[in-house]
C-alpha atoms as a PDB file:
ATOM      1  CA  UNK A   1       1.375 -20.633   0.990  1.00  0.00           C
ATOM      2  CA  UNK A   2       5.046 -19.118   0.729  1.00  0.00           C
ATOM      3  CA  UNK A   3       8.216 -21.431   1.296  1.00  0.00           C
ATOM      4  CA  UNK A   4      11.286 -19.539   2.871  1.00  0.00           C
ATOM      5  CA  UNK A   5      14.733 -20.722   2.955  1.00  0.00           C
ATOM      6  CA  UNK A   6      16.768 -19.148   5.162  1.00  0.00           C
ATOM      7  CA  UNK A   7      20.197 -18.951   6.922  1.00  0.00           C
ATOM      8  CA  UNK A   8      20.762 -17.014  10.150  1.00  0.00           C
ATOM      9  CA  UNK A   9      24.208 -15.832  11.438  1.00  0.00           C
ATOM     10  CA  UNK A  10      24.939 -14.574  14.978  1.00  0.00           C
ATOM     11  CA  UNK A  11      26.944 -11.182  14.493  1.00  0.00           C
ATOM     12  CA  UNK A  12      29.673 -10.058  17.139  1.00  0.00           C
ATOM     13  CA  UNK A  13      32.685  -7.736  16.878  1.00  0.00           C
ATOM     14  CA  UNK A  14      34.655  -7.319  13.831  1.00  0.00           C
ATOM     15  CA  UNK A  15      32.185  -9.210  11.803  1.00  0.00           C
ATOM     16  CA  UNK A  16      29.155  -6.902  12.999  1.00  0.00           C
ATOM     17  CA  UNK A  17      31.152  -4.145  12.431  1.00  0.00           C
ATOM     18  CA  UNK A  18      31.636  -5.170   8.705  1.00  0.00           C
ATOM     19  CA  UNK A  19      28.268  -6.237   8.066  1.00  0.00           C
ATOM     20  CA  UNK A  20      26.735  -3.068   9.892  1.00  0.00           C
ATOM     21  CA  UNK A  21      28.957  -1.202   7.125  1.00  0.00           C
ATOM     22  CA  UNK A  22      27.496  -3.307   4.402  1.00  0.00           C
ATOM     23  CA  UNK A  23      24.161  -1.827   5.453  1.00  0.00           C
ATOM     24  CA  UNK A  24      25.071   1.672   6.118  1.00  0.00           C
ATOM     25  CA  UNK A  25      22.970   2.677   2.765  1.00  0.00           C
ATOM     26  CA  UNK A  26      19.808   1.626   4.132  1.00  0.00           C
ATOM     27  CA  UNK A  27      17.089   2.975   6.355  1.00  0.00           C
ATOM     28  CA  UNK A  28      15.988   0.526   9.229  1.00  0.00           C
ATOM     29  CA  UNK A  29      12.498  -0.429  10.389  1.00  0.00           C
ATOM     30  CA  UNK A  30      11.214  -1.287  13.716  1.00  0.00           C
ATOM     31  CA  UNK A  31       9.400  -4.790  14.019  1.00  0.00           C
ATOM     32  CA  UNK A  32       7.406  -5.993  16.852  1.00  0.00           C
ATOM     33  CA  UNK A  33       6.161  -9.432  16.792  1.00  0.00           C
ATOM     34  CA  UNK A  34       3.698 -10.678  19.178  1.00  0.00           C
ATOM     35  CA  UNK A  35       3.784 -14.712  19.207  1.00  0.00           C
ATOM     36  CA  UNK A  36       1.223 -17.085  20.415  1.00  0.00           C
ATOM     37  CA  UNK A  37       1.684 -20.635  21.913  1.00  0.00           C
ATOM     38  CA  UNK A  38       0.927 -23.110  19.357  1.00  0.00           C
ATOM     39  CA  UNK A  39       0.278 -27.020  19.679  1.00  0.00           C
ATOM     40  CA  UNK A  40       3.617 -27.864  18.042  1.00  0.00           C
ATOM     41  CA  UNK A  41       7.180 -26.292  18.650  1.00  0.00           C
ATOM     42  CA  UNK A  42       7.810 -26.332  14.766  1.00  0.00           C
ATOM     43  CA  UNK A  43       5.120 -23.959  14.094  1.00  0.00           C
ATOM     44  CA  UNK A  44       4.545 -20.198  15.230  1.00  0.00           C
ATOM     45  CA  UNK A  45       1.785 -17.908  14.884  1.00  0.00           C
ATOM     46  CA  UNK A  46       2.258 -14.065  15.150  1.00  0.00           C
ATOM     47  CA  UNK A  47       0.964 -10.335  15.126  1.00  0.00           C
ATOM     48  CA  UNK A  48       3.666  -8.463  13.249  1.00  0.00           C
ATOM     49  CA  UNK A  49       3.769  -4.963  13.480  1.00  0.00           C
ATOM     50  CA  UNK A  50       6.189  -3.254  11.132  1.00  0.00           C
ATOM     51  CA  UNK A  51       6.306   0.580  10.345  1.00  0.00           C
ATOM     52  CA  UNK A  52       2.882   0.816   9.464  1.00  0.00           C
ATOM     53  CA  UNK A  53       2.116  -2.541   8.060  1.00  0.00           C
ATOM     54  CA  UNK A  54       0.470  -5.062  10.022  1.00  0.00           C
ATOM     55  CA  UNK A  55      -0.210  -8.707   9.854  1.00  0.00           C
ATOM     56  CA  UNK A  56      -1.270 -11.954  10.975  1.00  0.00           C
ATOM     57  CA  UNK A  57       1.394 -14.864  10.225  1.00  0.00           C
ATOM     58  CA  UNK A  58       1.287 -18.365  10.606  1.00  0.00           C
ATOM     59  CA  UNK A  59       4.891 -20.450   9.959  1.00  0.00           C
ATOM     60  CA  UNK A  60       5.403 -23.932  10.050  1.00  0.00           C
ATOM     61  CA  UNK A  61       9.244 -25.181  10.151  1.00  0.00           C
ATOM     62  CA  UNK A  62       9.056 -28.194   8.003  1.00  0.00           C
ATOM     63  CA  UNK A  63      13.043 -28.698   7.072  1.00  0.00           C
ATOM     64  CA  UNK A  64      16.193 -27.219   8.485  1.00  0.00           C
ATOM     65  CA  UNK A  65      16.298 -23.728   6.976  1.00  0.00           C
ATOM     66  CA  UNK A  66      12.928 -24.456   5.239  1.00  0.00           C
ATOM     67  CA  UNK A  67       9.546 -22.694   6.561  1.00  0.00           C
ATOM     68  CA  UNK A  68       5.963 -22.722   5.150  1.00  0.00           C
ATOM     69  CA  UNK A  69       4.235 -19.612   5.701  1.00  0.00           C
ATOM     70  CA  UNK A  70       0.660 -18.167   5.543  1.00  0.00           C
ATOM     71  CA  UNK A  71       0.463 -14.383   6.075  1.00  0.00           C
ATOM     72  CA  UNK A  72      -2.516 -11.938   5.733  1.00  0.00           C
ATOM     73  CA  UNK A  73      -2.350  -8.086   6.206  1.00  0.00           C
ATOM     74  CA  UNK A  74      -4.686  -7.014   9.058  1.00  0.00           C
ATOM     75  CA  UNK A  75      -6.091  -3.480   9.780  1.00  0.00           C
ATOM     76  CA  UNK A  76      -6.029  -3.647  13.639  1.00  0.00           C
ATOM     77  CA  UNK A  77      -3.667  -5.680  15.472  1.00  0.00           C
ATOM     78  CA  UNK A  78      -5.177  -4.907  18.622  1.00  0.00           C
ATOM     79  CA  UNK A  79      -8.448  -6.541  17.317  1.00  0.00           C
ATOM     80  CA  UNK A  80      -6.713  -9.441  15.920  1.00  0.00           C
ATOM     81  CA  UNK A  81      -4.910 -10.040  19.380  1.00  0.00           C
ATOM     82  CA  UNK A  82      -8.357  -9.721  21.293  1.00  0.00           C
ATOM     83  CA  UNK A  83      -9.532 -12.545  18.663  1.00  0.00           C
ATOM     84  CA  UNK A  84      -6.818 -14.560  19.318  1.00  0.00           C
ATOM     85  CA  UNK A  85      -7.260 -14.369  23.151  1.00  0.00           C
ATOM     86  CA  UNK A  86     -10.949 -15.113  23.019  1.00  0.00           C
ATOM     87  CA  UNK A  87     -10.292 -18.250  21.064  1.00  0.00           C
ATOM     88  CA  UNK A  88      -7.871 -19.360  23.620  1.00  0.00           C
ATOM     89  CA  UNK A  89      -4.754 -18.358  22.258  1.00  0.00           C
ATOM     90  CA  UNK A  90      -2.005 -16.977  24.909  1.00  0.00           C
ATOM     91  CA  UNK A  91       1.241 -14.976  24.332  1.00  0.00           C
ATOM     92  CA  UNK A  92       3.943 -16.467  24.376  1.00  0.00           C
ATOM     93  CA  UNK A  93       7.003 -13.680  23.977  1.00  0.00           C
ATOM     94  CA  UNK A  94       7.026 -10.540  21.944  1.00  0.00           C
ATOM     95  CA  UNK A  95      10.234  -9.837  20.046  1.00  0.00           C
ATOM     96  CA  UNK A  96      11.275  -6.533  19.166  1.00  0.00           C
ATOM     97  CA  UNK A  97      14.056  -5.747  16.595  1.00  0.00           C
ATOM     98  CA  UNK A  98      15.556  -2.833  14.459  1.00  0.00           C
ATOM     99  CA  UNK A  99      15.754  -4.546  10.790  1.00  0.00           C
ATOM    100  CA  UNK A 100      17.680  -3.249   7.886  1.00  0.00           C
ATOM    101  CA  UNK A 101      17.022  -5.031   4.598  1.00  0.00           C
ATOM    102  CA  UNK A 102      18.861  -5.215   1.479  1.00  0.00           C
ATOM    103  CA  UNK A 103      18.724  -7.123  -1.562  1.00  0.00           C
ATOM    104  CA  UNK A 104      22.176  -8.786  -2.836  1.00  0.00           C
ATOM    105  CA  UNK A 105      23.169 -11.091  -5.564  1.00  0.00           C
ATOM    106  CA  UNK A 106      19.614 -12.967  -5.703  1.00  0.00           C
ATOM    107  CA  UNK A 107      19.255 -13.007  -1.735  1.00  0.00           C
ATOM    108  CA  UNK A 108      17.411 -10.815   0.505  1.00  0.00           C
ATOM    109  CA  UNK A 109      19.651  -9.894   3.630  1.00  0.00           C
ATOM    110  CA  UNK A 110      18.169  -9.027   6.930  1.00  0.00           C
ATOM    111  CA  UNK A 111      20.509  -7.021   9.602  1.00  0.00           C
ATOM    112  CA  UNK A 112      18.297  -7.604  12.889  1.00  0.00           C
ATOM    113  CA  UNK A 113      19.146  -5.790  15.889  1.00  0.00           C
ATOM    114  CA  UNK A 114      17.034  -7.927  18.635  1.00  0.00           C
ATOM    115  CA  UNK A 115      16.289  -6.230  21.641  1.00  0.00           C
ATOM    116  CA  UNK A 116      17.853  -8.136  24.670  1.00  0.00           C
ATOM    117  CA  UNK A 117      19.369 -10.920  22.537  1.00  0.00           C
ATOM    118  CA  UNK A 118      21.575  -9.585  19.853  1.00  0.00           C
ATOM    119  CA  UNK A 119      22.685  -9.016  16.279  1.00  0.00           C
ATOM    120  CA  UNK A 120      21.882 -11.356  13.379  1.00  0.00           C
ATOM    121  CA  UNK A 121      22.096 -11.799   9.717  1.00  0.00           C
ATOM    122  CA  UNK A 122      19.393 -13.701   8.130  1.00  0.00           C
ATOM    123  CA  UNK A 123      19.680 -14.710   4.419  1.00  0.00           C
ATOM    124  CA  UNK A 124      16.563 -15.498   2.513  1.00  0.00           C
ATOM    125  CA  UNK A 125      16.857 -17.238  -0.869  1.00  0.00           C
ATOM    126  CA  UNK A 126      14.855 -19.457  -3.145  1.00  0.00           C
ATOM    127  CA  UNK A 127      17.012 -22.337  -2.358  1.00  0.00           C
ATOM    128  CA  UNK A 128      19.746 -23.397   0.132  1.00  0.00           C
ATOM    129  CA  UNK A 129      22.506 -23.364  -2.436  1.00  0.00           C
ATOM    130  CA  UNK A 130      21.666 -19.881  -3.372  1.00  0.00           C
ATOM    131  CA  UNK A 131      21.462 -18.762   0.458  1.00  0.00           C
ATOM    132  CA  UNK A 132      24.988 -20.433   0.885  1.00  0.00           C
ATOM    133  CA  UNK A 133      26.553 -18.713  -2.163  1.00  0.00           C
ATOM    134  CA  UNK A 134      25.535 -15.253  -0.733  1.00  0.00           C
ATOM    135  CA  UNK A 135      26.980 -16.203   2.646  1.00  0.00           C
ATOM    136  CA  UNK A 136      30.053 -17.443   0.986  1.00  0.00           C
ATOM    137  CA  UNK A 137      30.533 -14.007  -1.018  1.00  0.00           C
ATOM    138  CA  UNK A 138      29.905 -12.139   2.529  1.00  0.00           C
ATOM    139  CA  UNK A 139      32.482 -14.352   4.166  1.00  0.00           C
ATOM    140  CA  UNK A 140      30.329 -15.819   6.738  1.00  0.00           C
ATOM    141  CA  UNK A 141      31.890 -19.383   6.812  1.00  0.00           C
ATOM    142  CA  UNK A 142      32.753 -20.032  10.413  1.00  0.00           C
ATOM    143  CA  UNK A 143      30.106 -17.823  12.197  1.00  0.00           C
ATOM    144  CA  UNK A 144      27.788 -18.874  14.545  1.00  0.00           C
ATOM    145  CA  UNK A 145      24.341 -19.889  13.234  1.00  0.00           C
ATOM    146  CA  UNK A 146      22.455 -19.606  16.339  1.00  0.00           C
ATOM    147  CA  UNK A 147      21.624 -23.393  16.542  1.00  0.00           C
ATOM    148  CA  UNK A 148      18.720 -22.981  14.065  1.00  0.00           C
ATOM    149  CA  UNK A 149      16.440 -21.682  16.677  1.00  0.00           C
ATOM    150  CA  UNK A 150      14.005 -18.956  16.020  1.00  0.00           C
ATOM    151  CA  UNK A 151      14.125 -15.430  17.738  1.00  0.00           C
ATOM    152  CA  UNK A 152      11.436 -16.329  20.220  1.00  0.00           C
ATOM    153  CA  UNK A 153      13.298 -19.479  21.598  1.00  0.00           C
ATOM    154  CA  UNK A 154      16.671 -17.550  21.570  1.00  0.00           C
ATOM    155  CA  UNK A 155      15.194 -14.772  23.376  1.00  0.00           C
ATOM    156  CA  UNK A 156      13.243 -17.013  26.032  1.00  0.00           C
ATOM    157  CA  UNK A 157      16.785 -18.807  26.924  1.00  0.00           C
ATOM    158  CA  UNK A 158      18.538 -15.423  26.882  1.00  0.00           C
ATOM    159  CA  UNK A 159      15.801 -13.736  29.316  1.00  0.00           C
ATOM    160  CA  UNK A 160      16.070 -17.071  31.682  1.00  0.00           C
ATOM    161  CA  UNK A 161      19.977 -16.561  31.484  1.00  0.00           C
ATOM    162  CA  UNK A 162      19.571 -12.995  32.347  1.00  0.00           C
ATOM    163  CA  UNK A 163      17.170 -13.820  35.246  1.00  0.00           C
ATOM    164  CA  UNK A 164      19.439 -16.598  36.786  1.00  0.00           C
ATOM    165  CA  UNK A 165      22.083 -14.209  36.750  1.00  0.00           C
END
């Protein structure tokens, strides 16, 4: 099990432009996450496909900004999807994003351009204080944090809004 501390920021306008420039030396990778319905809203089960790497992942959001994670590589995501469906798991939503990753001052930064949702910066660190220091150095004070919701939940809300308009 891995413990992940993560802060996420919604990026728009000048802040998006500035952060994108910070990542200009990084090659992006395409990520497709297929999420499955779980018993608790704090949990998620997904199959991740990312530039040749494939994994089965279970995450449990245990506290604000803190997730326990279990992840394992898989060779065939289609077979894994069939197994999950055979044991009664239903696809909840598919999230696709272009991701840029960069190390910065002891933190892992990820600029995510999420299809049908928008642009976000995620900061992963060993502890909240370290993540907040990185955010401060990146001048993120006052930037929307996206209500501490997951991409699947934010995307479902956005797609419902788009459908109703």
